[in-house]
Amino acid sequence: MIYKVYYQESISQVPVRENTKTLFIKGDSAREVRIKIADRGYNVEFVQEVTGAFLEYEQQNEDFKVLEIE
């Protein structure tokens, strides 16, 4: 499954919509995705599974890249 992660670059940074970044990660669950990126120091706001039409829409973006972190 592919998950979209909304995050701030620093754990100490207050979530502000204009500064929110996103990335896509393969994983079996939202919990696994959070564990995979825990060492990066991100302030994770939300992890959302991306499927169906939503995934197709996201794939149209030229910056669409899926990270495969072990």
C-alpha atoms as a PDB file:
ATOM      1  CA  MET A   1       0.000   0.000   0.000  1.00  0.00           C
ATOM      2  CA  ILE A   2       1.052   3.578  -0.540  1.00  0.00           C
ATOM      3  CA  TYR A   3       0.661   6.189   2.185  1.00  0.00           C
ATOM      4  CA  LYS A   4       0.805   9.970   1.958  1.00  0.00           C
ATOM      5  CA  VAL A   5       2.551  11.557   4.933  1.00  0.00           C
ATOM      6  CA  TYR A   6       1.915  15.196   5.866  1.00  0.00           C
ATOM      7  CA  TYR A   7       4.754  16.576   7.978  1.00  0.00           C
ATOM      8  CA  GLN A   8       6.847  19.517   9.168  1.00  0.00           C
ATOM      9  CA  GLU A   9      10.608  19.186   8.699  1.00  0.00           C
ATOM     10  CA  SER A  10      11.418  19.646  12.384  1.00  0.00           C
ATOM     11  CA  ILE A  11       9.852  17.979  15.408  1.00  0.00           C
ATOM     12  CA  SER A  12       9.945  21.345  17.191  1.00  0.00           C
ATOM     13  CA  GLN A  13       8.136  23.145  14.350  1.00  0.00           C
ATOM     14  CA  VAL A  14       4.498  24.021  14.958  1.00  0.00           C
ATOM     15  CA  PRO A  15       2.234  22.657  12.199  1.00  0.00           C
ATOM     16  CA  VAL A  16       1.320  25.447   9.794  1.00  0.00           C
ATOM     17  CA  ARG A  17      -0.564  24.571   6.626  1.00  0.00           C
ATOM     18  CA  GLU A  18       1.692  26.702   4.406  1.00  0.00           C
ATOM     19  CA  ASN A  19       4.809  24.881   5.659  1.00  0.00           C
ATOM     20  CA  THR A  20       3.400  21.351   5.510  1.00  0.00           C
ATOM     21  CA  LYS A  21       5.308  19.011   3.218  1.00  0.00           C
ATOM     22  CA  THR A  22       4.247  15.631   1.879  1.00  0.00           C
ATOM     23  CA  LEU A  23       5.912  12.408   0.871  1.00  0.00           C
ATOM     24  CA  PHE A  24       4.720   9.013  -0.289  1.00  0.00           C
ATOM     25  CA  ILE A  25       5.924   5.795   1.319  1.00  0.00           C
ATOM     26  CA  LYS A  26       5.191   2.128   0.712  1.00  0.00           C
ATOM     27  CA  GLY A  27       4.148   0.210   3.795  1.00  0.00           C
ATOM     28  CA  ASP A  28       1.741  -2.360   5.206  1.00  0.00           C
ATOM     29  CA  SER A  29       0.119   0.032   7.698  1.00  0.00           C
ATOM     30  CA  ALA A  30       0.140   3.646   8.854  1.00  0.00           C
ATOM     31  CA  ARG A  31       1.940   2.515  11.999  1.00  0.00           C
ATOM     32  CA  GLU A  32       4.718   0.872   9.971  1.00  0.00           C
ATOM     33  CA  VAL A  33       5.136   4.068   7.931  1.00  0.00           C
ATOM     34  CA  ARG A  34       5.485   6.130  11.118  1.00  0.00           C
ATOM     35  CA  ILE A  35       8.134   3.698  12.392  1.00  0.00           C
ATOM     36  CA  LYS A  36      10.049   3.876   9.096  1.00  0.00           C
ATOM     37  CA  ILE A  37      10.365   7.688   9.252  1.00  0.00           C
ATOM     38  CA  ALA A  38      10.770   8.025  13.032  1.00  0.00           C
ATOM     39  CA  ASP A  39      14.547   8.557  12.787  1.00  0.00           C
ATOM     40  CA  ARG A  40      14.199  11.514  10.381  1.00  0.00           C
ATOM     41  CA  GLY A  41      13.017  13.980  13.034  1.00  0.00           C
ATOM     42  CA  TYR A  42       9.823  14.949  11.220  1.00  0.00           C
ATOM     43  CA  ASN A  43       6.770  16.331  13.006  1.00  0.00           C
ATOM     44  CA  VAL A  44       4.216  14.003  11.390  1.00  0.00           C
ATOM     45  CA  GLU A  45       0.759  15.538  11.201  1.00  0.00           C
ATOM     46  CA  PHE A  46      -1.160  12.841   9.375  1.00  0.00           C
ATOM     47  CA  VAL A  47      -0.627   9.531   7.537  1.00  0.00           C
ATOM     48  CA  GLN A  48      -3.234   8.671   4.908  1.00  0.00           C
ATOM     49  CA  GLU A  49      -3.606   5.586   2.724  1.00  0.00           C
ATOM     50  CA  VAL A  50      -3.752   6.490  -0.977  1.00  0.00           C
ATOM     51  CA  THR A  51      -5.809   4.222  -3.255  1.00  0.00           C
ATOM     52  CA  GLY A  52      -8.035   4.258  -6.310  1.00  0.00           C
ATOM     53  CA  ALA A  53      -8.845   7.573  -7.957  1.00  0.00           C
ATOM     54  CA  PHE A  54      -6.913   9.475  -5.275  1.00  0.00           C
ATOM     55  CA  LEU A  55      -3.743   7.522  -6.152  1.00  0.00           C
ATOM     56  CA  GLU A  56      -4.307   8.060  -9.884  1.00  0.00           C
ATOM     57  CA  TYR A  57      -4.672  11.799  -9.286  1.00  0.00           C
ATOM     58  CA  GLU A  58      -1.469  11.960  -7.213  1.00  0.00           C
ATOM     59  CA  GLN A  59       0.468   9.970  -9.845  1.00  0.00           C
ATOM     60  CA  GLN A  60      -0.283  12.691 -12.422  1.00  0.00           C
ATOM     61  CA  ASN A  61       1.894  15.129 -10.459  1.00  0.00           C
ATOM     62  CA  GLU A  62       5.398  15.300 -11.944  1.00  0.00           C
ATOM     63  CA  ASP A  63       6.904  15.323  -8.429  1.00  0.00           C
ATOM     64  CA  PHE A  64       5.209  12.030  -7.459  1.00  0.00           C
ATOM     65  CA  LYS A  65       7.820   9.653  -5.997  1.00  0.00           C
ATOM     66  CA  VAL A  66       7.254   6.714  -3.676  1.00  0.00           C
ATOM     67  CA  LEU A  67       9.943   6.034  -1.071  1.00  0.00           C
ATOM     68  CA  GLU A  68      10.687   2.414  -0.265  1.00  0.00           C
ATOM     69  CA  ILE A  69      12.302   2.539   3.182  1.00  0.00           C
ATOM     70  CA  GLU A  70      13.199  -0.728   4.859  1.00  0.00           C
END
